[in-house]
């Protein structure tokens, strides 16, 4: 099967699985990550088939929706790629990217072992910051029935993945626990440039949020 057909069949498959999700991890999140991964990948010496497949499949079974099981996503991806006859080396590479990709807490490093993985991780993290990142944070917070903000609950910089998984902090705390940390964890020059502006937008949003919270605006 030609590479472009493999990619398009995978896109259709993922869209059928994730359309209608209300947590911020829907098909359009995948589409945006796929789109920006192609933009970043065009500037890097990477295998774009691996990049595109990993971008499309990275949230096929996110651990947040599968009782914390970070193995379910790679398993589902491998099952699909085998089903459509993708060669084993590509499958292994894509599944490794999915295994390594996720943010695991402020105190936990998440290095990617390949350049393709760096591109996909950057694309996924860019969709977690800026205007869309803000919208997704509140969508997920509402989905999980989390408190919007409580000034008496400080942010926690989680030191392990297990600690991060158990977190039930407020949505505003999530900015300090994850989103504001992502700018400095980008891998590629392209992503670093995009992240700067998106990061500034979040900082301005939080400044305005706290002014309004205090009744100053």
N, C-alpha and C. Protein backbone atom coordinates (compact mmCIF):
# COMPACT_ATOMS: atom_id res chain seq x y z
N UNK A 1 0.85 -1.19 0.00
CA UNK A 1 0.00 0.00 0.00
C UNK A 1 0.89 1.25 0.00
N UNK A 2 0.61 2.23 -0.88
CA UNK A 2 1.42 3.46 -0.91
C UNK A 2 1.37 4.22 0.42
N UNK A 3 2.44 4.94 0.73
CA UNK A 3 2.52 5.65 2.00
C UNK A 3 1.37 6.63 2.20
N UNK A 4 1.00 7.35 1.14
CA UNK A 4 -0.06 8.35 1.30
C UNK A 4 -1.40 7.69 1.62
N UNK A 5 -1.61 6.48 1.07
CA UNK A 5 -2.85 5.76 1.37
C UNK A 5 -2.84 5.26 2.82
N UNK A 6 -1.69 4.80 3.31
CA UNK A 6 -1.56 4.38 4.71
C UNK A 6 -1.90 5.53 5.64
N UNK A 7 -1.36 6.71 5.33
CA UNK A 7 -1.61 7.89 6.17
C UNK A 7 -3.09 8.27 6.13
N UNK A 8 -3.68 8.30 4.95
CA UNK A 8 -5.08 8.72 4.83
C UNK A 8 -6.03 7.71 5.47
N UNK A 9 -5.74 6.43 5.33
CA UNK A 9 -6.58 5.42 5.99
C UNK A 9 -6.48 5.54 7.51
N UNK A 10 -5.27 5.86 7.98
CA UNK A 10 -5.09 6.04 9.42
C UNK A 10 -5.83 7.27 9.90
N UNK A 11 -5.78 8.35 9.14
CA UNK A 11 -6.52 9.56 9.51
C UNK A 11 -8.02 9.27 9.60
N UNK A 12 -8.55 8.55 8.64
CA UNK A 12 -9.98 8.21 8.65
C UNK A 12 -10.34 7.34 9.85
N UNK A 13 -9.46 6.41 10.16
CA UNK A 13 -9.67 5.52 11.30
C UNK A 13 -9.72 6.31 12.61
N UNK A 14 -8.74 7.18 12.80
CA UNK A 14 -8.67 7.96 14.04
C UNK A 14 -9.86 8.92 14.13
N UNK A 15 -10.21 9.52 13.01
CA UNK A 15 -11.37 10.43 13.03
C UNK A 15 -12.64 9.69 13.46
N UNK A 16 -12.80 8.47 12.98
CA UNK A 16 -14.00 7.71 13.34
C UNK A 16 -14.01 7.36 14.83
N UNK A 17 -12.84 7.21 15.44
CA UNK A 17 -12.75 6.86 16.85
C UNK A 17 -12.96 8.06 17.77
N UNK A 18 -12.46 9.22 17.38
CA UNK A 18 -12.37 10.35 18.31
C UNK A 18 -13.31 11.50 18.03
N UNK A 19 -14.04 11.48 16.94
CA UNK A 19 -14.98 12.56 16.66
C UNK A 19 -16.04 12.64 17.75
N UNK A 20 -16.33 13.87 18.19
CA UNK A 20 -17.36 14.08 19.19
C UNK A 20 -16.86 14.08 20.62
N UNK A 21 -15.59 13.78 20.84
CA UNK A 21 -15.03 13.84 22.19
C UNK A 21 -15.10 15.27 22.70
N UNK A 22 -15.47 15.45 23.99
CA UNK A 22 -15.61 16.79 24.55
C UNK A 22 -14.55 17.17 25.55
N UNK A 23 -13.46 16.40 25.62
CA UNK A 23 -12.43 16.63 26.63
C UNK A 23 -11.26 17.46 26.13
N UNK A 24 -11.29 17.83 24.84
CA UNK A 24 -10.14 18.52 24.27
C UNK A 24 -9.15 17.56 23.63
N UNK A 25 -9.49 16.26 23.59
CA UNK A 25 -8.63 15.25 22.99
C UNK A 25 -9.36 14.58 21.81
N UNK A 26 -10.06 15.40 21.06
CA UNK A 26 -10.90 14.91 19.97
C UNK A 26 -10.12 14.84 18.66
N UNK A 27 -10.85 14.52 17.57
CA UNK A 27 -10.23 14.44 16.25
C UNK A 27 -9.54 15.74 15.87
N UNK A 28 -10.12 16.88 16.21
CA UNK A 28 -9.53 18.14 15.77
C UNK A 28 -8.23 18.45 16.50
N UNK A 29 -8.08 17.94 17.71
CA UNK A 29 -6.76 18.01 18.37
C UNK A 29 -5.76 17.21 17.54
N UNK A 30 -6.15 15.99 17.14
CA UNK A 30 -5.27 15.16 16.31
C UNK A 30 -4.94 15.87 15.00
N UNK A 31 -5.94 16.45 14.38
CA UNK A 31 -5.74 17.13 13.10
C UNK A 31 -4.74 18.27 13.24
N UNK A 32 -4.87 19.06 14.32
CA UNK A 32 -3.94 20.18 14.53
C UNK A 32 -2.52 19.68 14.78
N UNK A 33 -2.38 18.63 15.58
CA UNK A 33 -1.05 18.07 15.85
C UNK A 33 -0.45 17.52 14.55
N UNK A 34 -1.24 16.83 13.78
CA UNK A 34 -0.80 16.31 12.48
C UNK A 34 -0.33 17.45 11.58
N UNK A 35 -1.13 18.50 11.52
CA UNK A 35 -0.80 19.64 10.67
C UNK A 35 0.51 20.31 11.08
N UNK A 36 0.67 20.56 12.37
CA UNK A 36 1.87 21.27 12.80
C UNK A 36 3.08 20.35 12.80
N UNK A 37 2.86 19.04 12.97
CA UNK A 37 3.98 18.09 12.85
C UNK A 37 4.54 18.11 11.43
N UNK A 38 3.66 18.23 10.45
CA UNK A 38 4.14 18.32 9.06
C UNK A 38 4.91 19.62 8.84
N UNK A 39 4.44 20.70 9.45
CA UNK A 39 5.15 21.98 9.34
C UNK A 39 6.54 21.90 9.96
N UNK A 40 6.63 21.33 11.16
CA UNK A 40 7.93 21.21 11.84
C UNK A 40 8.81 20.21 11.10
N UNK A 41 8.22 19.09 10.71
CA UNK A 41 8.98 18.04 10.05
C UNK A 41 9.60 18.47 8.73
N UNK A 42 8.97 19.43 8.06
CA UNK A 42 9.52 19.94 6.80
C UNK A 42 10.87 20.60 6.99
N UNK A 43 11.19 21.00 8.22
CA UNK A 43 12.46 21.67 8.52
C UNK A 43 13.48 20.73 9.15
N UNK A 44 13.14 19.45 9.28
CA UNK A 44 13.99 18.49 9.98
C UNK A 44 14.31 17.29 9.09
N UNK A 45 15.45 16.62 9.34
CA UNK A 45 15.80 15.41 8.58
C UNK A 45 15.09 14.19 9.16
N UNK A 46 13.83 14.03 8.82
CA UNK A 46 13.02 12.97 9.43
C UNK A 46 12.29 12.15 8.38
N UNK A 47 11.82 10.99 8.79
CA UNK A 47 10.95 10.14 7.98
C UNK A 47 9.52 10.64 8.21
N UNK A 48 8.96 11.30 7.21
CA UNK A 48 7.66 11.94 7.40
C UNK A 48 6.52 10.93 7.53
N UNK A 49 6.67 9.74 7.00
CA UNK A 49 5.63 8.73 7.20
C UNK A 49 5.53 8.39 8.67
N UNK A 50 6.67 8.19 9.32
CA UNK A 50 6.68 7.91 10.76
C UNK A 50 6.09 9.08 11.53
N UNK A 51 6.50 10.30 11.18
CA UNK A 51 6.00 11.50 11.85
C UNK A 51 4.48 11.58 11.72
N UNK A 52 3.97 11.41 10.52
CA UNK A 52 2.52 11.56 10.31
C UNK A 52 1.73 10.46 11.02
N UNK A 53 2.20 9.23 10.94
CA UNK A 53 1.48 8.15 11.61
C UNK A 53 1.49 8.32 13.13
N UNK A 54 2.62 8.72 13.67
CA UNK A 54 2.70 8.92 15.12
C UNK A 54 1.83 10.09 15.56
N UNK A 55 1.82 11.16 14.78
CA UNK A 55 0.96 12.30 15.11
C UNK A 55 -0.51 11.89 15.09
N UNK A 56 -0.90 11.11 14.11
CA UNK A 56 -2.29 10.69 13.99
C UNK A 56 -2.71 9.72 15.09
N UNK A 57 -1.78 8.88 15.53
CA UNK A 57 -2.13 7.80 16.46
C UNK A 57 -1.75 8.09 17.91
N UNK A 58 -1.15 9.25 18.18
CA UNK A 58 -0.56 9.46 19.51
C UNK A 58 -1.59 9.47 20.63
N UNK A 59 -2.84 9.81 20.35
CA UNK A 59 -3.88 9.84 21.38
C UNK A 59 -4.99 8.82 21.11
N UNK A 60 -4.67 7.77 20.39
CA UNK A 60 -5.70 6.79 20.04
C UNK A 60 -6.30 6.13 21.28
N UNK A 61 -5.50 6.04 22.35
CA UNK A 61 -5.99 5.50 23.63
C UNK A 61 -5.17 6.14 24.74
N UNK A 62 -5.42 7.43 24.97
CA UNK A 62 -4.67 8.20 25.97
C UNK A 62 -4.83 7.59 27.35
N UNK A 63 -3.73 7.51 28.12
CA UNK A 63 -3.78 6.91 29.45
C UNK A 63 -4.79 7.61 30.36
N UNK A 64 -5.04 8.90 30.12
CA UNK A 64 -5.97 9.65 30.98
C UNK A 64 -7.39 9.10 30.91
N UNK A 65 -7.70 8.37 29.83
CA UNK A 65 -9.04 7.83 29.64
C UNK A 65 -9.06 6.30 29.71
N UNK A 66 -7.93 5.73 30.15
CA UNK A 66 -7.82 4.27 30.24
C UNK A 66 -7.19 3.87 31.58
N UNK A 67 -7.71 4.46 32.64
CA UNK A 67 -7.29 4.10 34.01
C UNK A 67 -5.79 4.20 34.23
N UNK A 68 -5.17 5.20 33.57
CA UNK A 68 -3.75 5.43 33.78
C UNK A 68 -2.82 4.47 33.06
N UNK A 69 -3.37 3.62 32.20
CA UNK A 69 -2.56 2.61 31.50
C UNK A 69 -1.89 3.23 30.28
N UNK A 70 -0.58 3.55 30.42
CA UNK A 70 0.14 4.18 29.30
C UNK A 70 0.52 3.19 28.21
N UNK A 71 0.25 1.90 28.40
CA UNK A 71 0.55 0.88 27.38
C UNK A 71 -0.59 0.69 26.39
N UNK A 72 -1.78 1.17 26.74
CA UNK A 72 -2.94 0.93 25.88
C UNK A 72 -2.81 1.65 24.54
N UNK A 73 -2.30 2.88 24.55
CA UNK A 73 -2.14 3.64 23.31
C UNK A 73 -1.22 2.95 22.32
N UNK A 74 0.02 2.61 22.72
CA UNK A 74 0.90 1.88 21.79
C UNK A 74 0.29 0.55 21.33
N UNK A 75 -0.43 -0.14 22.22
CA UNK A 75 -1.03 -1.41 21.83
C UNK A 75 -2.08 -1.21 20.74
N UNK A 76 -2.94 -0.22 20.92
CA UNK A 76 -3.98 0.07 19.93
C UNK A 76 -3.37 0.51 18.60
N UNK A 77 -2.31 1.32 18.68
CA UNK A 77 -1.64 1.78 17.46
C UNK A 77 -1.03 0.61 16.71
N UNK A 78 -0.36 -0.26 17.44
CA UNK A 78 0.28 -1.43 16.82
C UNK A 78 -0.77 -2.32 16.16
N UNK A 79 -1.87 -2.52 16.84
CA UNK A 79 -2.96 -3.35 16.31
C UNK A 79 -3.47 -2.80 14.99
N UNK A 80 -3.68 -1.48 14.92
CA UNK A 80 -4.17 -0.85 13.69
C UNK A 80 -3.15 -0.96 12.57
N UNK A 81 -1.89 -0.62 12.86
CA UNK A 81 -0.86 -0.61 11.81
C UNK A 81 -0.61 -2.01 11.28
N UNK A 82 -0.67 -3.01 12.13
CA UNK A 82 -0.58 -4.40 11.65
C UNK A 82 -1.75 -4.72 10.73
N UNK A 83 -2.92 -4.24 11.10
CA UNK A 83 -4.14 -4.52 10.34
C UNK A 83 -4.04 -4.03 8.90
N UNK A 84 -3.36 -2.90 8.70
CA UNK A 84 -3.28 -2.35 7.34
C UNK A 84 -1.94 -2.68 6.66
N UNK A 85 -1.14 -3.55 7.27
CA UNK A 85 0.04 -4.09 6.62
C UNK A 85 1.26 -3.20 6.61
N UNK A 86 1.41 -2.34 7.61
CA UNK A 86 2.59 -1.49 7.70
C UNK A 86 3.79 -2.33 8.12
N UNK A 87 4.96 -2.02 7.58
CA UNK A 87 6.14 -2.83 7.90
C UNK A 87 6.54 -2.68 9.37
N UNK A 88 7.12 -3.73 9.89
CA UNK A 88 7.38 -3.84 11.33
C UNK A 88 8.29 -2.72 11.87
N UNK A 89 9.28 -2.34 11.10
CA UNK A 89 10.19 -1.28 11.57
C UNK A 89 9.48 0.03 11.80
N UNK A 90 8.57 0.38 10.90
CA UNK A 90 7.78 1.60 11.05
C UNK A 90 6.85 1.48 12.25
N UNK A 91 6.21 0.34 12.40
CA UNK A 91 5.31 0.13 13.54
C UNK A 91 6.05 0.31 14.85
N UNK A 92 7.23 -0.32 14.96
CA UNK A 92 8.01 -0.21 16.19
C UNK A 92 8.38 1.24 16.49
N UNK A 93 8.77 1.98 15.45
CA UNK A 93 9.17 3.38 15.62
C UNK A 93 7.98 4.22 16.09
N UNK A 94 6.84 4.06 15.42
CA UNK A 94 5.65 4.82 15.79
C UNK A 94 5.23 4.52 17.23
N UNK A 95 5.25 3.27 17.60
CA UNK A 95 4.82 2.89 18.95
C UNK A 95 5.80 3.38 20.01
N UNK A 96 7.07 3.41 19.69
CA UNK A 96 8.06 3.98 20.63
C UNK A 96 7.79 5.46 20.85
N UNK A 97 7.47 6.18 19.80
CA UNK A 97 7.14 7.60 19.93
C UNK A 97 5.94 7.79 20.85
N UNK A 98 4.91 7.00 20.65
CA UNK A 98 3.70 7.12 21.47
C UNK A 98 4.03 6.81 22.93
N UNK A 99 4.87 5.82 23.17
CA UNK A 99 5.26 5.46 24.55
C UNK A 99 6.03 6.59 25.24
N UNK A 100 6.85 7.29 24.50
CA UNK A 100 7.74 8.29 25.10
C UNK A 100 7.14 9.68 25.18
N UNK A 101 6.07 9.92 24.47
CA UNK A 101 5.59 11.27 24.15
C UNK A 101 5.10 12.10 25.33
N UNK A 102 4.35 11.51 26.23
CA UNK A 102 3.55 12.27 27.19
C UNK A 102 4.38 13.04 28.22
N UNK A 103 3.84 14.18 28.62
CA UNK A 103 4.34 14.91 29.78
C UNK A 103 4.05 14.06 31.01
N UNK A 104 5.04 13.95 31.89
CA UNK A 104 4.89 13.03 33.03
C UNK A 104 5.12 13.71 34.38
N UNK A 105 5.01 15.05 34.40
CA UNK A 105 5.20 15.77 35.64
C UNK A 105 6.40 16.71 35.56
N UNK A 106 6.34 17.79 36.32
CA UNK A 106 7.38 18.82 36.25
C UNK A 106 8.76 18.27 36.56
N UNK A 107 8.83 17.27 37.45
CA UNK A 107 10.13 16.73 37.86
C UNK A 107 10.56 15.50 37.10
N UNK A 108 9.86 15.17 36.02
CA UNK A 108 10.17 13.97 35.26
C UNK A 108 10.56 14.32 33.83
N UNK A 109 11.77 13.97 33.44
CA UNK A 109 12.23 14.24 32.07
C UNK A 109 11.55 13.30 31.10
N UNK A 110 11.25 13.81 29.90
CA UNK A 110 10.62 12.98 28.87
C UNK A 110 11.35 13.13 27.54
N UNK A 111 12.62 12.72 27.49
CA UNK A 111 13.37 12.85 26.24
C UNK A 111 12.87 11.88 25.18
N UNK A 112 12.92 12.31 23.95
CA UNK A 112 12.53 11.46 22.83
C UNK A 112 13.80 10.83 22.24
N UNK A 113 13.72 9.57 21.86
CA UNK A 113 14.91 8.86 21.40
C UNK A 113 15.20 9.05 19.92
N UNK A 114 14.26 9.64 19.16
CA UNK A 114 14.51 9.88 17.73
C UNK A 114 14.05 11.28 17.34
N UNK A 115 14.58 11.74 16.22
CA UNK A 115 14.21 13.07 15.73
C UNK A 115 12.72 13.11 15.37
N UNK A 116 12.22 12.02 14.81
CA UNK A 116 10.79 11.96 14.50
C UNK A 116 9.95 12.15 15.76
N UNK A 117 10.37 11.51 16.84
CA UNK A 117 9.67 11.66 18.11
C UNK A 117 9.71 13.09 18.62
N UNK A 118 10.83 13.75 18.46
CA UNK A 118 10.95 15.15 18.88
C UNK A 118 9.95 16.03 18.14
N UNK A 119 9.79 15.78 16.85
CA UNK A 119 8.86 16.57 16.04
C UNK A 119 7.42 16.37 16.53
N UNK A 120 7.04 15.12 16.76
CA UNK A 120 5.66 14.84 17.18
C UNK A 120 5.41 15.36 18.60
N UNK A 121 6.38 15.19 19.48
CA UNK A 121 6.23 15.71 20.84
C UNK A 121 6.06 17.22 20.82
N UNK A 122 6.86 17.91 20.01
CA UNK A 122 6.72 19.37 19.90
C UNK A 122 5.34 19.75 19.39
N UNK A 123 4.87 19.06 18.37
CA UNK A 123 3.55 19.39 17.81
C UNK A 123 2.45 19.19 18.84
N UNK A 124 2.52 18.10 19.58
CA UNK A 124 1.52 17.83 20.61
C UNK A 124 1.57 18.89 21.71
N UNK A 125 2.76 19.28 22.10
CA UNK A 125 2.90 20.28 23.17
C UNK A 125 2.49 21.67 22.70
N UNK A 126 2.69 21.98 21.45
CA UNK A 126 2.24 23.28 20.95
C UNK A 126 0.72 23.37 21.00
N UNK A 127 0.03 22.27 20.82
CA UNK A 127 -1.44 22.30 20.88
C UNK A 127 -1.94 22.38 22.32
N UNK A 128 -1.02 22.28 23.28
CA UNK A 128 -1.40 22.40 24.70
C UNK A 128 -1.18 23.81 25.23
N UNK A 129 -0.64 24.71 24.41
CA UNK A 129 -0.37 26.07 24.87
C UNK A 129 -1.00 27.09 23.92
N UNK A 130 -0.94 28.36 24.31
CA UNK A 130 -1.56 29.40 23.50
C UNK A 130 -3.07 29.42 23.66
N UNK A 131 -3.75 30.06 22.72
CA UNK A 131 -5.21 30.21 22.80
C UNK A 131 -5.92 28.86 22.80
N UNK A 132 -5.48 27.96 21.93
CA UNK A 132 -6.12 26.64 21.89
C UNK A 132 -5.78 25.86 23.15
N UNK A 133 -4.57 25.99 23.65
CA UNK A 133 -4.21 25.32 24.88
C UNK A 133 -5.07 25.75 26.05
N UNK A 134 -5.36 27.04 26.13
CA UNK A 134 -6.25 27.55 27.18
C UNK A 134 -7.63 26.91 27.05
N UNK A 135 -8.17 26.91 25.84
CA UNK A 135 -9.50 26.31 25.61
C UNK A 135 -9.50 24.84 25.98
N UNK A 136 -8.46 24.12 25.61
CA UNK A 136 -8.39 22.70 25.91
C UNK A 136 -8.26 22.44 27.40
N UNK A 137 -7.52 23.29 28.10
CA UNK A 137 -7.36 23.12 29.55
C UNK A 137 -8.71 23.21 30.25
N UNK A 138 -9.51 24.18 29.86
CA UNK A 138 -10.82 24.32 30.50
C UNK A 138 -11.81 23.25 30.05
N UNK A 139 -11.68 22.82 28.80
CA UNK A 139 -12.54 21.71 28.34
C UNK A 139 -12.24 20.45 29.15
N UNK A 140 -10.97 20.15 29.35
CA UNK A 140 -10.60 18.96 30.11
C UNK A 140 -10.97 19.10 31.58
N UNK A 141 -10.76 20.30 32.14
CA UNK A 141 -11.14 20.53 33.52
C UNK A 141 -12.62 20.32 33.74
N UNK A 142 -13.44 20.82 32.82
CA UNK A 142 -14.88 20.60 32.92
C UNK A 142 -15.24 19.14 32.77
N UNK A 143 -14.59 18.46 31.82
CA UNK A 143 -14.83 17.04 31.60
C UNK A 143 -14.55 16.23 32.86
N UNK A 144 -13.49 16.62 33.61
CA UNK A 144 -13.10 15.92 34.83
C UNK A 144 -13.76 16.49 36.08
N UNK A 145 -14.63 17.50 35.88
CA UNK A 145 -15.34 18.15 36.99
C UNK A 145 -14.37 18.75 38.01
N UNK A 146 -13.34 19.38 37.50
CA UNK A 146 -12.35 20.00 38.37
C UNK A 146 -12.74 21.44 38.71
N UNK A 147 -12.31 21.88 39.86
CA UNK A 147 -12.53 23.26 40.27
C UNK A 147 -11.79 24.19 39.32
N UNK A 148 -12.43 25.30 38.97
CA UNK A 148 -11.79 26.29 38.10
C UNK A 148 -10.53 26.86 38.74
N UNK A 149 -10.67 27.38 39.95
CA UNK A 149 -9.53 27.97 40.66
C UNK A 149 -9.88 28.10 42.13
N UNK A 150 -8.91 27.88 42.98
CA UNK A 150 -9.04 28.10 44.41
C UNK A 150 -7.71 28.67 44.90
N UNK A 151 -7.67 29.94 45.28
CA UNK A 151 -6.40 30.54 45.70
C UNK A 151 -5.78 29.90 46.93
N UNK A 152 -6.55 29.07 47.62
CA UNK A 152 -6.01 28.40 48.81
C UNK A 152 -5.37 27.05 48.47
N UNK A 153 -5.45 26.65 47.20
CA UNK A 153 -4.82 25.41 46.77
C UNK A 153 -3.64 25.76 45.86
N UNK A 154 -2.40 25.63 46.34
CA UNK A 154 -1.25 25.99 45.52
C UNK A 154 -0.95 24.95 44.45
N UNK A 155 -0.29 25.33 43.36
CA UNK A 155 0.13 24.35 42.36
C UNK A 155 1.13 23.36 42.96
N UNK A 156 1.20 22.17 42.36
CA UNK A 156 2.15 21.14 42.79
C UNK A 156 3.05 20.78 41.62
N UNK A 157 4.34 20.86 41.79
CA UNK A 157 5.27 20.45 40.75
C UNK A 157 5.58 18.96 40.97
N UNK A 158 4.81 18.13 40.31
CA UNK A 158 4.86 16.68 40.54
C UNK A 158 6.24 16.11 40.18
N UNK A 159 6.74 15.27 41.05
CA UNK A 159 8.09 14.74 40.88
C UNK A 159 8.15 13.34 40.28
N UNK A 160 6.99 12.76 40.00
CA UNK A 160 6.95 11.45 39.36
C UNK A 160 5.70 11.34 38.50
N UNK A 161 5.72 10.40 37.56
CA UNK A 161 4.57 10.20 36.69
C UNK A 161 3.37 9.72 37.50
N UNK A 162 3.61 8.84 38.47
CA UNK A 162 2.51 8.35 39.29
C UNK A 162 1.86 9.49 40.07
N UNK A 163 2.67 10.40 40.59
CA UNK A 163 2.14 11.55 41.31
C UNK A 163 1.33 12.43 40.37
N UNK A 164 1.85 12.64 39.16
CA UNK A 164 1.17 13.46 38.17
C UNK A 164 -0.17 12.82 37.77
N UNK A 165 -0.18 11.51 37.58
CA UNK A 165 -1.42 10.81 37.22
C UNK A 165 -2.51 11.01 38.27
N UNK A 166 -2.11 11.07 39.53
CA UNK A 166 -3.09 11.17 40.62
C UNK A 166 -3.56 12.61 40.87
N UNK A 167 -2.98 13.56 40.16
CA UNK A 167 -3.29 14.97 40.40
C UNK A 167 -4.76 15.28 40.14
N UNK A 168 -5.34 16.04 41.04
CA UNK A 168 -6.73 16.49 40.87
C UNK A 168 -6.81 17.99 41.15
N UNK A 169 -5.75 18.71 40.81
CA UNK A 169 -5.68 20.14 41.08
C UNK A 169 -6.64 20.94 40.22
N UNK A 170 -6.71 22.23 40.48
CA UNK A 170 -7.59 23.12 39.74
C UNK A 170 -7.08 23.33 38.32
N UNK A 171 -7.97 23.81 37.47
CA UNK A 171 -7.56 24.06 36.09
C UNK A 171 -6.51 25.17 36.00
N UNK A 172 -6.65 26.22 36.76
CA UNK A 172 -5.64 27.28 36.74
C UNK A 172 -4.30 26.75 37.23
N UNK A 173 -4.30 25.88 38.22
CA UNK A 173 -3.04 25.28 38.67
C UNK A 173 -2.36 24.49 37.58
N UNK A 174 -3.15 23.90 36.68
CA UNK A 174 -2.59 23.11 35.58
C UNK A 174 -1.67 23.96 34.70
N UNK A 175 -1.95 25.24 34.59
CA UNK A 175 -1.05 26.11 33.83
C UNK A 175 0.35 26.10 34.44
N UNK A 176 0.41 26.18 35.76
CA UNK A 176 1.70 26.24 36.46
C UNK A 176 2.34 24.87 36.58
N UNK A 177 1.53 23.84 36.62
CA UNK A 177 2.03 22.48 36.79
C UNK A 177 2.50 21.86 35.47
N UNK A 178 2.02 22.39 34.34
CA UNK A 178 2.40 21.82 33.05
C UNK A 178 2.57 22.88 31.96
N UNK A 179 1.50 23.60 31.64
CA UNK A 179 1.46 24.37 30.39
C UNK A 179 2.56 25.42 30.31
N UNK A 180 2.83 26.13 31.39
CA UNK A 180 3.86 27.16 31.36
C UNK A 180 5.28 26.58 31.33
N UNK A 181 5.39 25.29 31.56
CA UNK A 181 6.70 24.63 31.51
C UNK A 181 7.08 24.17 30.11
N UNK A 182 6.11 24.11 29.21
CA UNK A 182 6.35 23.46 27.92
C UNK A 182 7.24 24.26 26.98
N UNK A 183 7.19 25.57 27.06
CA UNK A 183 8.02 26.40 26.16
C UNK A 183 9.49 26.00 26.21
N UNK A 184 9.98 25.76 27.40
CA UNK A 184 11.40 25.44 27.57
C UNK A 184 11.72 23.97 27.36
N UNK A 185 10.71 23.19 26.98
CA UNK A 185 10.92 21.77 26.74
C UNK A 185 10.73 21.39 25.28
N UNK A 186 10.65 22.39 24.41
CA UNK A 186 10.55 22.11 22.98
C UNK A 186 11.89 21.61 22.46
N UNK A 187 11.84 20.76 21.44
CA UNK A 187 13.04 20.13 20.90
C UNK A 187 13.61 20.84 19.67
N UNK A 188 12.75 21.35 18.80
CA UNK A 188 13.17 21.87 17.51
C UNK A 188 13.13 23.39 17.48
N UNK A 189 13.93 23.97 16.61
CA UNK A 189 13.98 25.43 16.48
C UNK A 189 12.62 25.98 16.03
N UNK A 190 11.96 25.29 15.12
CA UNK A 190 10.65 25.75 14.64
C UNK A 190 9.65 25.81 15.79
N UNK A 191 9.59 24.76 16.58
CA UNK A 191 8.65 24.72 17.70
C UNK A 191 8.99 25.77 18.76
N UNK A 192 10.27 25.97 19.01
CA UNK A 192 10.66 26.96 20.01
C UNK A 192 10.18 28.35 19.62
N UNK A 193 10.28 28.67 18.32
CA UNK A 193 9.80 29.97 17.86
C UNK A 193 8.30 30.13 18.01
N UNK A 194 7.55 29.10 17.67
CA UNK A 194 6.09 29.16 17.81
C UNK A 194 5.70 29.24 19.28
N UNK A 195 6.40 28.49 20.11
CA UNK A 195 6.05 28.41 21.53
C UNK A 195 6.22 29.75 22.24
N UNK A 196 7.18 30.54 21.84
CA UNK A 196 7.42 31.83 22.51
C UNK A 196 6.16 32.68 22.51
N UNK A 197 5.53 32.84 21.36
CA UNK A 197 4.35 33.68 21.26
C UNK A 197 3.17 33.06 22.01
N UNK A 198 2.99 31.77 21.87
CA UNK A 198 1.88 31.10 22.55
C UNK A 198 2.04 31.20 24.08
N UNK A 199 3.28 31.09 24.54
CA UNK A 199 3.56 31.21 25.97
C UNK A 199 3.21 32.61 26.48
N UNK A 200 3.60 33.61 25.74
CA UNK A 200 3.29 34.99 26.15
C UNK A 200 1.78 35.21 26.23
N UNK A 201 1.04 34.62 25.31
CA UNK A 201 -0.42 34.76 25.32
C UNK A 201 -1.00 34.16 26.60
N UNK A 202 -0.49 33.01 27.01
CA UNK A 202 -0.98 32.39 28.25
C UNK A 202 -0.64 33.25 29.47
N UNK A 203 0.55 33.80 29.48
CA UNK A 203 0.93 34.66 30.61
C UNK A 203 0.00 35.86 30.71
N UNK A 204 -0.32 36.46 29.58
CA UNK A 204 -1.23 37.61 29.58
C UNK A 204 -2.63 37.19 30.02
N UNK A 205 -3.07 36.02 29.54
CA UNK A 205 -4.39 35.53 29.96
C UNK A 205 -4.44 35.35 31.48
N UNK A 206 -3.42 34.74 32.06
CA UNK A 206 -3.41 34.51 33.50
C UNK A 206 -3.35 35.82 34.28
N UNK A 207 -2.59 36.77 33.76
CA UNK A 207 -2.55 38.09 34.42
C UNK A 207 -3.94 38.70 34.46
N UNK A 208 -4.65 38.64 33.34
CA UNK A 208 -6.00 39.20 33.27
C UNK A 208 -6.97 38.39 34.14
N UNK A 209 -6.84 37.07 34.14
CA UNK A 209 -7.70 36.22 34.97
C UNK A 209 -7.59 36.63 36.44
N UNK A 210 -6.37 36.79 36.93
CA UNK A 210 -6.19 37.10 38.34
C UNK A 210 -6.65 38.52 38.67
N UNK A 211 -6.52 39.45 37.74
CA UNK A 211 -7.04 40.80 37.95
C UNK A 211 -8.56 40.77 38.09
N UNK A 212 -9.21 40.04 37.20
CA UNK A 212 -10.66 39.95 37.27
C UNK A 212 -11.10 39.17 38.52
N UNK A 213 -10.36 38.13 38.87
CA UNK A 213 -10.69 37.35 40.06
C UNK A 213 -10.70 38.26 41.30
N UNK A 214 -9.75 39.17 41.36
CA UNK A 214 -9.65 40.08 42.52
C UNK A 214 -10.58 41.29 42.41
N UNK A 215 -11.29 41.38 41.29
CA UNK A 215 -12.22 42.50 41.09
C UNK A 215 -11.54 43.79 40.68
N UNK A 216 -10.33 43.68 40.13
CA UNK A 216 -9.56 44.86 39.75
C UNK A 216 -9.82 45.31 38.31
N UNK A 217 -10.56 44.52 37.54
CA UNK A 217 -10.87 44.88 36.14
C UNK A 217 -12.35 44.68 35.90
